């Protein structure tokens, strides 16, 4: 029950953050980006490994652009931010 509530809460929080203007999404988006692996690990341990794998696939799909940016930064590249986030 607690696991289901945590997942639903995370989904609602992600939906609310997605509705914010791009400039205001940064800080809550980073918080969700950090909280997601904890929830995914919890799902994998509590339910089954395949449920954790499905949750990981959903996470990567939802956060593909920020993850792509951080991956490029980790490889030493200089990716460009969208114009609304550059200032």
N, C-alpha and C. Protein backbone atom coordinates (compact mmCIF):
# COMPACT_ATOMS: atom_id res chain seq x y z
N UNK A 1 0.83 -1.20 0.00
CA UNK A 1 0.00 0.00 0.00
C UNK A 1 0.87 1.26 0.00
N UNK A 2 1.90 1.27 0.86
CA UNK A 2 2.77 2.43 0.93
C UNK A 2 3.53 2.62 -0.38
N UNK A 3 3.94 1.50 -0.98
CA UNK A 3 4.65 1.57 -2.26
C UNK A 3 3.76 2.18 -3.34
N UNK A 4 2.49 1.78 -3.39
CA UNK A 4 1.56 2.33 -4.37
C UNK A 4 1.35 3.83 -4.15
N UNK A 5 1.22 4.24 -2.90
CA UNK A 5 1.05 5.66 -2.61
C UNK A 5 2.29 6.46 -2.99
N UNK A 6 3.46 5.90 -2.76
CA UNK A 6 4.70 6.58 -3.12
C UNK A 6 4.78 6.75 -4.63
N UNK A 7 4.42 5.72 -5.38
CA UNK A 7 4.45 5.80 -6.85
C UNK A 7 3.45 6.82 -7.36
N UNK A 8 2.24 6.79 -6.83
CA UNK A 8 1.21 7.75 -7.26
C UNK A 8 1.62 9.17 -6.90
N UNK A 9 2.18 9.36 -5.72
CA UNK A 9 2.66 10.69 -5.33
C UNK A 9 3.75 11.19 -6.24
N UNK A 10 4.68 10.31 -6.62
CA UNK A 10 5.76 10.71 -7.53
C UNK A 10 5.20 11.08 -8.90
N UNK A 11 4.23 10.32 -9.38
CA UNK A 11 3.62 10.61 -10.68
C UNK A 11 2.90 11.96 -10.65
N UNK A 12 2.15 12.23 -9.59
CA UNK A 12 1.47 13.53 -9.49
C UNK A 12 2.47 14.67 -9.40
N UNK A 13 3.54 14.48 -8.63
CA UNK A 13 4.56 15.52 -8.53
C UNK A 13 5.22 15.77 -9.88
N UNK A 14 5.52 14.71 -10.62
CA UNK A 14 6.13 14.87 -11.94
C UNK A 14 5.18 15.57 -12.90
N UNK A 15 3.90 15.27 -12.80
CA UNK A 15 2.91 15.93 -13.66
C UNK A 15 2.82 17.41 -13.35
N UNK A 16 2.82 17.75 -12.07
CA UNK A 16 2.76 19.17 -11.68
C UNK A 16 4.01 19.92 -12.14
N UNK A 17 5.16 19.29 -12.01
CA UNK A 17 6.40 19.93 -12.46
C UNK A 17 6.37 20.13 -13.97
N UNK A 18 5.83 19.16 -14.70
CA UNK A 18 5.76 19.28 -16.16
C UNK A 18 4.86 20.43 -16.59
N UNK A 19 3.89 20.80 -15.77
CA UNK A 19 2.99 21.90 -16.11
C UNK A 19 3.60 23.28 -15.83
N UNK A 20 4.69 23.31 -15.08
CA UNK A 20 5.34 24.58 -14.79
C UNK A 20 6.04 25.12 -16.04
N UNK A 21 6.25 26.44 -16.10
CA UNK A 21 7.06 26.97 -17.19
C UNK A 21 8.47 26.39 -17.11
N UNK A 22 9.13 26.28 -18.25
CA UNK A 22 10.43 25.63 -18.32
C UNK A 22 11.43 26.21 -17.31
N UNK A 23 11.39 27.50 -17.11
CA UNK A 23 12.33 28.17 -16.22
C UNK A 23 12.12 27.74 -14.76
N UNK A 24 10.92 27.37 -14.40
CA UNK A 24 10.60 26.99 -13.01
C UNK A 24 10.69 25.47 -12.79
N UNK A 25 10.96 24.69 -13.81
CA UNK A 25 11.02 23.24 -13.68
C UNK A 25 12.34 22.73 -13.13
N UNK A 26 13.37 23.53 -13.14
CA UNK A 26 14.72 23.04 -12.86
C UNK A 26 14.87 22.43 -11.46
N UNK A 27 14.57 23.18 -10.42
CA UNK A 27 14.81 22.69 -9.05
C UNK A 27 13.89 21.52 -8.70
N UNK A 28 12.56 21.61 -8.92
CA UNK A 28 11.75 20.43 -8.60
C UNK A 28 12.07 19.24 -9.50
N UNK A 29 12.48 19.50 -10.74
CA UNK A 29 12.85 18.41 -11.64
C UNK A 29 14.09 17.68 -11.15
N UNK A 30 15.07 18.42 -10.65
CA UNK A 30 16.27 17.79 -10.09
C UNK A 30 15.90 16.95 -8.86
N UNK A 31 14.99 17.45 -8.03
CA UNK A 31 14.56 16.69 -6.86
C UNK A 31 13.89 15.38 -7.28
N UNK A 32 13.06 15.42 -8.31
CA UNK A 32 12.43 14.20 -8.82
C UNK A 32 13.47 13.27 -9.44
N UNK A 33 14.43 13.85 -10.12
CA UNK A 33 15.50 13.07 -10.76
C UNK A 33 16.31 12.32 -9.70
N UNK A 34 16.52 12.93 -8.55
CA UNK A 34 17.27 12.29 -7.47
C UNK A 34 16.40 11.26 -6.73
N UNK A 35 15.12 11.55 -6.55
CA UNK A 35 14.23 10.65 -5.81
C UNK A 35 13.85 9.40 -6.60
N UNK A 36 13.86 9.47 -7.91
CA UNK A 36 13.40 8.36 -8.73
C UNK A 36 14.22 7.08 -8.55
N UNK A 37 15.55 7.13 -8.54
CA UNK A 37 16.28 5.87 -8.35
C UNK A 37 15.97 5.16 -7.03
N UNK A 38 15.72 5.94 -5.99
CA UNK A 38 15.35 5.35 -4.70
C UNK A 38 14.04 4.60 -4.83
N UNK A 39 13.05 5.24 -5.48
CA UNK A 39 11.76 4.60 -5.67
C UNK A 39 11.87 3.39 -6.59
N UNK A 40 12.68 3.48 -7.63
CA UNK A 40 12.87 2.35 -8.55
C UNK A 40 13.51 1.18 -7.83
N UNK A 41 14.51 1.44 -7.01
CA UNK A 41 15.14 0.38 -6.23
C UNK A 41 14.15 -0.24 -5.26
N UNK A 42 13.34 0.59 -4.65
CA UNK A 42 12.31 0.09 -3.73
C UNK A 42 11.33 -0.82 -4.46
N UNK A 43 10.92 -0.42 -5.65
CA UNK A 43 10.02 -1.26 -6.46
C UNK A 43 10.69 -2.58 -6.79
N UNK A 44 11.96 -2.53 -7.22
CA UNK A 44 12.67 -3.75 -7.57
C UNK A 44 12.82 -4.71 -6.41
N UNK A 45 13.03 -4.18 -5.20
CA UNK A 45 13.19 -5.04 -4.03
C UNK A 45 11.84 -5.54 -3.52
N UNK A 46 10.84 -4.66 -3.47
CA UNK A 46 9.55 -5.01 -2.88
C UNK A 46 8.68 -5.87 -3.79
N UNK A 47 8.72 -5.62 -5.09
CA UNK A 47 7.82 -6.31 -6.00
C UNK A 47 8.56 -7.44 -6.71
N UNK A 48 9.38 -7.07 -7.67
CA UNK A 48 10.16 -8.05 -8.44
C UNK A 48 11.14 -7.29 -9.31
N UNK A 49 12.16 -7.98 -9.79
CA UNK A 49 13.18 -7.32 -10.60
C UNK A 49 12.59 -6.78 -11.90
N UNK A 50 11.61 -7.49 -12.47
CA UNK A 50 11.04 -7.04 -13.74
C UNK A 50 10.21 -5.77 -13.54
N UNK A 51 9.58 -5.61 -12.38
CA UNK A 51 8.84 -4.39 -12.09
C UNK A 51 9.80 -3.22 -11.95
N UNK A 52 10.95 -3.46 -11.34
CA UNK A 52 11.98 -2.43 -11.25
C UNK A 52 12.53 -2.06 -12.62
N UNK A 53 12.67 -3.07 -13.50
CA UNK A 53 13.14 -2.80 -14.86
C UNK A 53 12.12 -1.97 -15.64
N UNK A 54 10.84 -2.25 -15.46
CA UNK A 54 9.79 -1.45 -16.11
C UNK A 54 9.79 -0.02 -15.58
N UNK A 55 9.97 0.13 -14.28
CA UNK A 55 10.03 1.47 -13.68
C UNK A 55 11.25 2.23 -14.20
N UNK A 56 12.37 1.53 -14.35
CA UNK A 56 13.57 2.17 -14.89
C UNK A 56 13.36 2.62 -16.33
N UNK A 57 12.68 1.79 -17.13
CA UNK A 57 12.39 2.17 -18.52
C UNK A 57 11.49 3.40 -18.57
N UNK A 58 10.50 3.47 -17.69
CA UNK A 58 9.62 4.63 -17.64
C UNK A 58 10.39 5.88 -17.21
N UNK A 59 11.29 5.72 -16.26
CA UNK A 59 12.12 6.84 -15.78
C UNK A 59 13.01 7.37 -16.89
N UNK A 60 13.68 6.48 -17.59
CA UNK A 60 14.58 6.91 -18.67
C UNK A 60 13.78 7.58 -19.78
N UNK A 61 12.59 7.08 -20.07
CA UNK A 61 11.74 7.68 -21.09
C UNK A 61 11.31 9.09 -20.69
N UNK A 62 10.94 9.26 -19.43
CA UNK A 62 10.45 10.56 -18.97
C UNK A 62 11.56 11.59 -18.86
N UNK A 63 12.74 11.18 -18.43
CA UNK A 63 13.84 12.10 -18.19
C UNK A 63 14.93 11.97 -19.25
N UNK A 64 14.57 11.62 -20.47
CA UNK A 64 15.59 11.37 -21.50
C UNK A 64 16.42 12.61 -21.81
N UNK A 65 15.84 13.79 -21.86
CA UNK A 65 16.62 14.99 -22.18
C UNK A 65 17.57 15.39 -21.05
N UNK A 66 17.13 15.45 -19.79
CA UNK A 66 18.10 15.76 -18.74
C UNK A 66 19.20 14.71 -18.62
N UNK A 67 18.83 13.44 -18.78
CA UNK A 67 19.84 12.38 -18.70
C UNK A 67 20.83 12.49 -19.86
N UNK A 68 20.33 12.83 -21.04
CA UNK A 68 21.22 13.03 -22.19
C UNK A 68 22.18 14.19 -21.93
N UNK A 69 21.70 15.26 -21.32
CA UNK A 69 22.54 16.41 -20.99
C UNK A 69 23.63 16.02 -19.99
N UNK A 70 23.24 15.33 -18.90
CA UNK A 70 24.21 14.93 -17.88
C UNK A 70 25.21 13.91 -18.44
N UNK A 71 24.77 13.04 -19.34
CA UNK A 71 25.67 12.07 -19.97
C UNK A 71 26.71 12.79 -20.82
N UNK A 72 26.28 13.80 -21.56
CA UNK A 72 27.22 14.57 -22.38
C UNK A 72 28.20 15.33 -21.50
N UNK A 73 27.73 15.90 -20.39
CA UNK A 73 28.61 16.60 -19.46
C UNK A 73 29.64 15.63 -18.86
N UNK A 74 29.20 14.42 -18.53
CA UNK A 74 30.10 13.44 -17.94
C UNK A 74 31.19 13.00 -18.92
N UNK A 75 30.88 13.03 -20.23
CA UNK A 75 31.86 12.66 -21.24
C UNK A 75 32.76 13.83 -21.63
N UNK A 76 32.58 14.99 -21.00
CA UNK A 76 33.44 16.13 -21.26
C UNK A 76 32.98 17.02 -22.40
N UNK A 77 31.79 16.78 -22.92
CA UNK A 77 31.26 17.64 -23.97
C UNK A 77 30.63 18.87 -23.35
N UNK A 78 30.29 19.85 -24.19
CA UNK A 78 29.65 21.07 -23.71
C UNK A 78 28.28 21.20 -24.38
N UNK A 79 27.26 20.47 -23.87
CA UNK A 79 25.95 20.54 -24.49
C UNK A 79 25.30 21.91 -24.27
N UNK A 80 24.50 22.34 -25.21
CA UNK A 80 23.81 23.63 -25.11
C UNK A 80 22.48 23.47 -24.41
N UNK A 81 22.18 24.40 -23.52
CA UNK A 81 20.89 24.44 -22.86
C UNK A 81 19.88 25.11 -23.78
N UNK A 82 18.58 24.84 -23.58
CA UNK A 82 17.57 25.57 -24.34
C UNK A 82 17.68 27.07 -24.06
N UNK A 83 17.25 27.91 -24.99
CA UNK A 83 17.39 29.37 -24.83
C UNK A 83 16.73 29.91 -23.56
N UNK A 84 15.62 29.33 -23.14
CA UNK A 84 14.92 29.85 -21.96
C UNK A 84 15.65 29.52 -20.65
N UNK A 85 16.63 28.62 -20.68
CA UNK A 85 17.40 28.28 -19.47
C UNK A 85 18.80 28.88 -19.47
N UNK A 86 19.19 29.57 -20.51
CA UNK A 86 20.57 30.07 -20.62
C UNK A 86 20.85 31.27 -19.74
N UNK A 87 19.85 32.05 -19.40
CA UNK A 87 20.13 33.29 -18.64
C UNK A 87 20.35 33.05 -17.17
